[in-house]
Amino acid sequence: MLLAALAMTALAVERDSYGRFKRSAAVKYEFKKSNPCPATGRPRGACPGYEIDHIVPLKHGGADATDNMQWLTVPEHKNKTKLE
């Protein structure tokens, strides 16, 4: 029983008021700083045609951390999300 309760706690992920996974703006900033936009080469601002993807999705226990992020084109990201 205790083991089950601990497992449920480990799977609990913080969510915002809309029920979406909470994401850290600071982590996103750090990712962009060390991985500039493939389209513009800039670490800030919009990145046309690309989106930041969590390699291991948050809903599958992935961390909201820079080492779990990558740039994908919009079509690649949509396709990956559909398969997850």
N, C-alpha and C. Protein backbone atom coordinates (compact mmCIF):
# COMPACT_ATOMS: atom_id res chain seq x y z
N MET A 1 0.82 -1.19 0.00
CA MET A 1 0.00 0.00 0.00
C MET A 1 0.87 1.26 0.00
N LEU A 2 1.88 1.29 0.88
CA LEU A 2 2.77 2.44 0.95
C LEU A 2 3.53 2.59 -0.36
N LEU A 3 3.97 1.49 -0.93
CA LEU A 3 4.70 1.52 -2.20
C LEU A 3 3.84 2.11 -3.31
N ALA A 4 2.57 1.76 -3.35
CA ALA A 4 1.65 2.30 -4.35
C ALA A 4 1.47 3.79 -4.17
N ALA A 5 1.37 4.24 -2.93
CA ALA A 5 1.23 5.67 -2.65
C ALA A 5 2.46 6.44 -3.09
N LEU A 6 3.64 5.86 -2.84
CA LEU A 6 4.88 6.51 -3.27
C LEU A 6 4.97 6.58 -4.79
N ALA A 7 4.54 5.54 -5.47
CA ALA A 7 4.56 5.53 -6.93
C ALA A 7 3.64 6.59 -7.49
N MET A 8 2.47 6.75 -6.89
CA MET A 8 1.52 7.77 -7.35
C MET A 8 2.10 9.16 -7.15
N THR A 9 2.80 9.39 -6.03
CA THR A 9 3.42 10.68 -5.76
C THR A 9 4.50 10.97 -6.80
N ALA A 10 5.28 9.96 -7.15
CA ALA A 10 6.36 10.15 -8.11
C ALA A 10 5.81 10.50 -9.49
N LEU A 11 4.62 9.98 -9.83
CA LEU A 11 4.04 10.25 -11.13
C LEU A 11 3.30 11.58 -11.17
N ALA A 12 2.98 12.13 -10.00
CA ALA A 12 2.25 13.40 -9.96
C ALA A 12 3.14 14.51 -10.48
N VAL A 13 2.65 15.24 -11.44
CA VAL A 13 3.38 16.35 -12.03
C VAL A 13 2.55 17.60 -11.81
N GLU A 14 3.25 18.68 -11.48
CA GLU A 14 2.53 19.93 -11.24
C GLU A 14 1.82 20.38 -12.50
N ARG A 15 0.62 20.89 -12.32
CA ARG A 15 -0.17 21.39 -13.44
C ARG A 15 -0.60 22.82 -13.16
N ASP A 16 -0.86 23.58 -14.22
CA ASP A 16 -1.32 24.95 -14.05
C ASP A 16 -2.84 24.95 -13.85
N SER A 17 -3.42 26.13 -13.78
CA SER A 17 -4.86 26.24 -13.51
C SER A 17 -5.72 25.70 -14.65
N TYR A 18 -5.13 25.45 -15.81
CA TYR A 18 -5.86 24.89 -16.95
C TYR A 18 -5.66 23.38 -17.06
N GLY A 19 -4.90 22.79 -16.13
CA GLY A 19 -4.65 21.36 -16.14
C GLY A 19 -3.46 20.96 -17.00
N ARG A 20 -2.77 21.93 -17.59
CA ARG A 20 -1.59 21.62 -18.40
C ARG A 20 -0.37 21.47 -17.49
N PHE A 21 0.63 20.72 -17.96
CA PHE A 21 1.86 20.57 -17.20
C PHE A 21 2.51 21.93 -17.01
N LYS A 22 2.98 22.20 -15.78
CA LYS A 22 3.70 23.44 -15.53
C LYS A 22 5.07 23.34 -16.17
N ARG A 23 5.45 24.41 -16.84
CA ARG A 23 6.76 24.45 -17.48
C ARG A 23 7.51 25.65 -16.97
N SER A 24 8.80 25.53 -16.86
CA SER A 24 9.64 26.59 -16.34
C SER A 24 10.14 27.49 -17.47
N ALA A 25 9.83 28.77 -17.35
CA ALA A 25 10.32 29.74 -18.34
C ALA A 25 11.84 29.84 -18.26
N ALA A 26 12.40 29.68 -17.06
CA ALA A 26 13.85 29.76 -16.89
C ALA A 26 14.55 28.61 -17.61
N VAL A 27 13.97 27.41 -17.57
CA VAL A 27 14.57 26.25 -18.26
C VAL A 27 14.51 26.47 -19.77
N LYS A 28 13.39 26.97 -20.26
CA LYS A 28 13.25 27.25 -21.69
C LYS A 28 14.28 28.30 -22.13
N TYR A 29 14.47 29.33 -21.31
CA TYR A 29 15.46 30.37 -21.60
C TYR A 29 16.87 29.77 -21.67
N GLU A 30 17.20 28.91 -20.71
CA GLU A 30 18.52 28.26 -20.69
C GLU A 30 18.72 27.38 -21.92
N PHE A 31 17.66 26.65 -22.32
CA PHE A 31 17.75 25.81 -23.51
C PHE A 31 18.05 26.67 -24.74
N LYS A 32 17.28 27.76 -24.90
CA LYS A 32 17.47 28.63 -26.07
C LYS A 32 18.84 29.30 -26.05
N LYS A 33 19.34 29.61 -24.86
CA LYS A 33 20.65 30.25 -24.74
C LYS A 33 21.76 29.31 -25.23
N SER A 34 21.66 28.04 -24.87
CA SER A 34 22.70 27.10 -25.27
C SER A 34 22.41 26.38 -26.59
N ASN A 35 21.19 26.54 -27.10
CA ASN A 35 20.78 25.93 -28.38
C ASN A 35 20.01 26.95 -29.20
N PRO A 36 20.71 27.90 -29.82
CA PRO A 36 20.01 28.95 -30.57
C PRO A 36 19.08 28.38 -31.64
N CYS A 37 18.12 29.17 -32.03
CA CYS A 37 17.14 28.79 -33.03
C CYS A 37 17.83 28.34 -34.32
N PRO A 38 17.47 27.18 -34.85
CA PRO A 38 18.07 26.71 -36.10
C PRO A 38 17.77 27.62 -37.30
N ALA A 39 16.66 28.34 -37.26
CA ALA A 39 16.27 29.19 -38.39
C ALA A 39 16.97 30.54 -38.37
N THR A 40 17.14 31.12 -37.17
CA THR A 40 17.68 32.48 -37.08
C THR A 40 19.07 32.54 -36.47
N GLY A 41 19.45 31.48 -35.74
CA GLY A 41 20.74 31.49 -35.06
C GLY A 41 20.74 32.34 -33.80
N ARG A 42 19.59 32.83 -33.40
CA ARG A 42 19.49 33.70 -32.22
C ARG A 42 19.00 32.92 -31.00
N PRO A 43 19.51 33.30 -29.82
CA PRO A 43 19.08 32.63 -28.59
C PRO A 43 17.80 33.21 -28.00
N ARG A 44 17.26 34.25 -28.61
CA ARG A 44 16.03 34.88 -28.10
C ARG A 44 15.06 35.14 -29.22
N GLY A 45 13.82 35.35 -28.83
CA GLY A 45 12.80 35.70 -29.80
C GLY A 45 12.18 34.48 -30.48
N ALA A 46 11.37 34.78 -31.47
CA ALA A 46 10.65 33.73 -32.20
C ALA A 46 11.63 32.87 -32.99
N CYS A 47 11.22 31.64 -33.24
CA CYS A 47 12.01 30.70 -34.03
C CYS A 47 11.08 30.16 -35.11
N PRO A 48 10.93 30.89 -36.22
CA PRO A 48 9.98 30.50 -37.25
C PRO A 48 10.23 29.11 -37.82
N GLY A 49 9.14 28.31 -37.82
CA GLY A 49 9.21 26.98 -38.39
C GLY A 49 9.68 25.90 -37.43
N TYR A 50 10.04 26.28 -36.20
CA TYR A 50 10.54 25.31 -35.22
C TYR A 50 9.80 25.45 -33.90
N GLU A 51 9.77 24.34 -33.14
CA GLU A 51 9.20 24.33 -31.80
C GLU A 51 10.13 23.53 -30.89
N ILE A 52 10.09 23.87 -29.62
CA ILE A 52 10.87 23.12 -28.64
C ILE A 52 10.06 21.89 -28.23
N ASP A 53 10.71 20.74 -28.29
CA ASP A 53 10.08 19.46 -27.98
C ASP A 53 10.76 18.83 -26.78
N HIS A 54 9.97 18.19 -25.92
CA HIS A 54 10.53 17.37 -24.84
C HIS A 54 10.79 15.98 -25.42
N ILE A 55 12.03 15.55 -25.39
CA ILE A 55 12.41 14.25 -25.96
C ILE A 55 11.59 13.14 -25.32
N VAL A 56 11.59 13.09 -24.00
CA VAL A 56 10.69 12.20 -23.26
C VAL A 56 9.56 13.10 -22.79
N PRO A 57 8.36 12.89 -23.30
CA PRO A 57 7.24 13.77 -22.99
C PRO A 57 6.98 13.91 -21.49
N LEU A 58 6.54 15.08 -21.09
CA LEU A 58 6.20 15.33 -19.69
C LEU A 58 5.17 14.33 -19.21
N LYS A 59 4.20 14.00 -20.07
CA LYS A 59 3.13 13.07 -19.67
C LYS A 59 3.64 11.65 -19.47
N HIS A 60 4.86 11.37 -19.93
CA HIS A 60 5.46 10.06 -19.75
C HIS A 60 6.59 10.11 -18.72
N GLY A 61 6.60 11.16 -17.91
CA GLY A 61 7.59 11.27 -16.84
C GLY A 61 8.86 12.00 -17.20
N GLY A 62 8.91 12.58 -18.39
CA GLY A 62 10.09 13.34 -18.80
C GLY A 62 10.24 14.61 -17.98
N ALA A 63 11.46 15.03 -17.83
CA ALA A 63 11.75 16.23 -17.04
C ALA A 63 11.62 17.49 -17.90
N ASP A 64 11.21 18.57 -17.26
CA ASP A 64 11.22 19.87 -17.91
C ASP A 64 12.61 20.45 -17.69
N ALA A 65 13.59 19.88 -18.41
CA ALA A 65 14.99 20.22 -18.24
C ALA A 65 15.64 20.37 -19.61
N THR A 66 16.70 21.15 -19.67
CA THR A 66 17.36 21.43 -20.95
C THR A 66 17.87 20.17 -21.64
N ASP A 67 18.30 19.18 -20.87
CA ASP A 67 18.81 17.95 -21.50
C ASP A 67 17.70 17.04 -22.00
N ASN A 68 16.44 17.44 -21.80
CA ASN A 68 15.30 16.69 -22.32
C ASN A 68 14.56 17.52 -23.38
N MET A 69 15.25 18.48 -23.97
CA MET A 69 14.63 19.35 -24.98
C MET A 69 15.43 19.29 -26.28
N GLN A 70 14.69 19.52 -27.37
CA GLN A 70 15.32 19.59 -28.68
C GLN A 70 14.46 20.46 -29.59
N TRP A 71 15.07 21.00 -30.63
CA TRP A 71 14.32 21.72 -31.65
C TRP A 71 13.79 20.72 -32.65
N LEU A 72 12.52 20.85 -33.03
CA LEU A 72 11.95 20.09 -34.13
C LEU A 72 11.21 21.06 -35.03
N THR A 73 11.14 20.75 -36.33
CA THR A 73 10.32 21.58 -37.21
C THR A 73 8.86 21.39 -36.76
N VAL A 74 8.01 22.33 -37.12
CA VAL A 74 6.60 22.24 -36.73
C VAL A 74 5.97 20.93 -37.21
N PRO A 75 6.16 20.53 -38.49
CA PRO A 75 5.58 19.24 -38.92
C PRO A 75 6.15 18.04 -38.16
N GLU A 76 7.46 18.04 -37.89
CA GLU A 76 8.06 16.94 -37.14
C GLU A 76 7.46 16.85 -35.73
N HIS A 77 7.30 18.02 -35.10
CA HIS A 77 6.76 18.06 -33.74
C HIS A 77 5.32 17.57 -33.70
N LYS A 78 4.52 18.00 -34.68
CA LYS A 78 3.12 17.54 -34.73
C LYS A 78 3.05 16.03 -34.91
N ASN A 79 3.89 15.49 -35.79
CA ASN A 79 3.91 14.06 -36.04
C ASN A 79 4.35 13.29 -34.79
N LYS A 80 5.41 13.76 -34.12
CA LYS A 80 5.90 13.10 -32.91
C LYS A 80 4.83 13.13 -31.83
N THR A 81 4.18 14.25 -31.66
CA THR A 81 3.13 14.40 -30.64
C THR A 81 1.98 13.44 -30.93
N LYS A 82 1.62 13.31 -32.19
CA LYS A 82 0.53 12.41 -32.59
C LYS A 82 0.87 10.97 -32.24
N LEU A 83 2.14 10.58 -32.40
CA LEU A 83 2.56 9.21 -32.12
C LEU A 83 2.69 8.91 -30.64
N GLU A 84 2.84 9.96 -29.84
CA GLU A 84 3.02 9.76 -28.40
C GLU A 84 1.68 9.56 -27.80
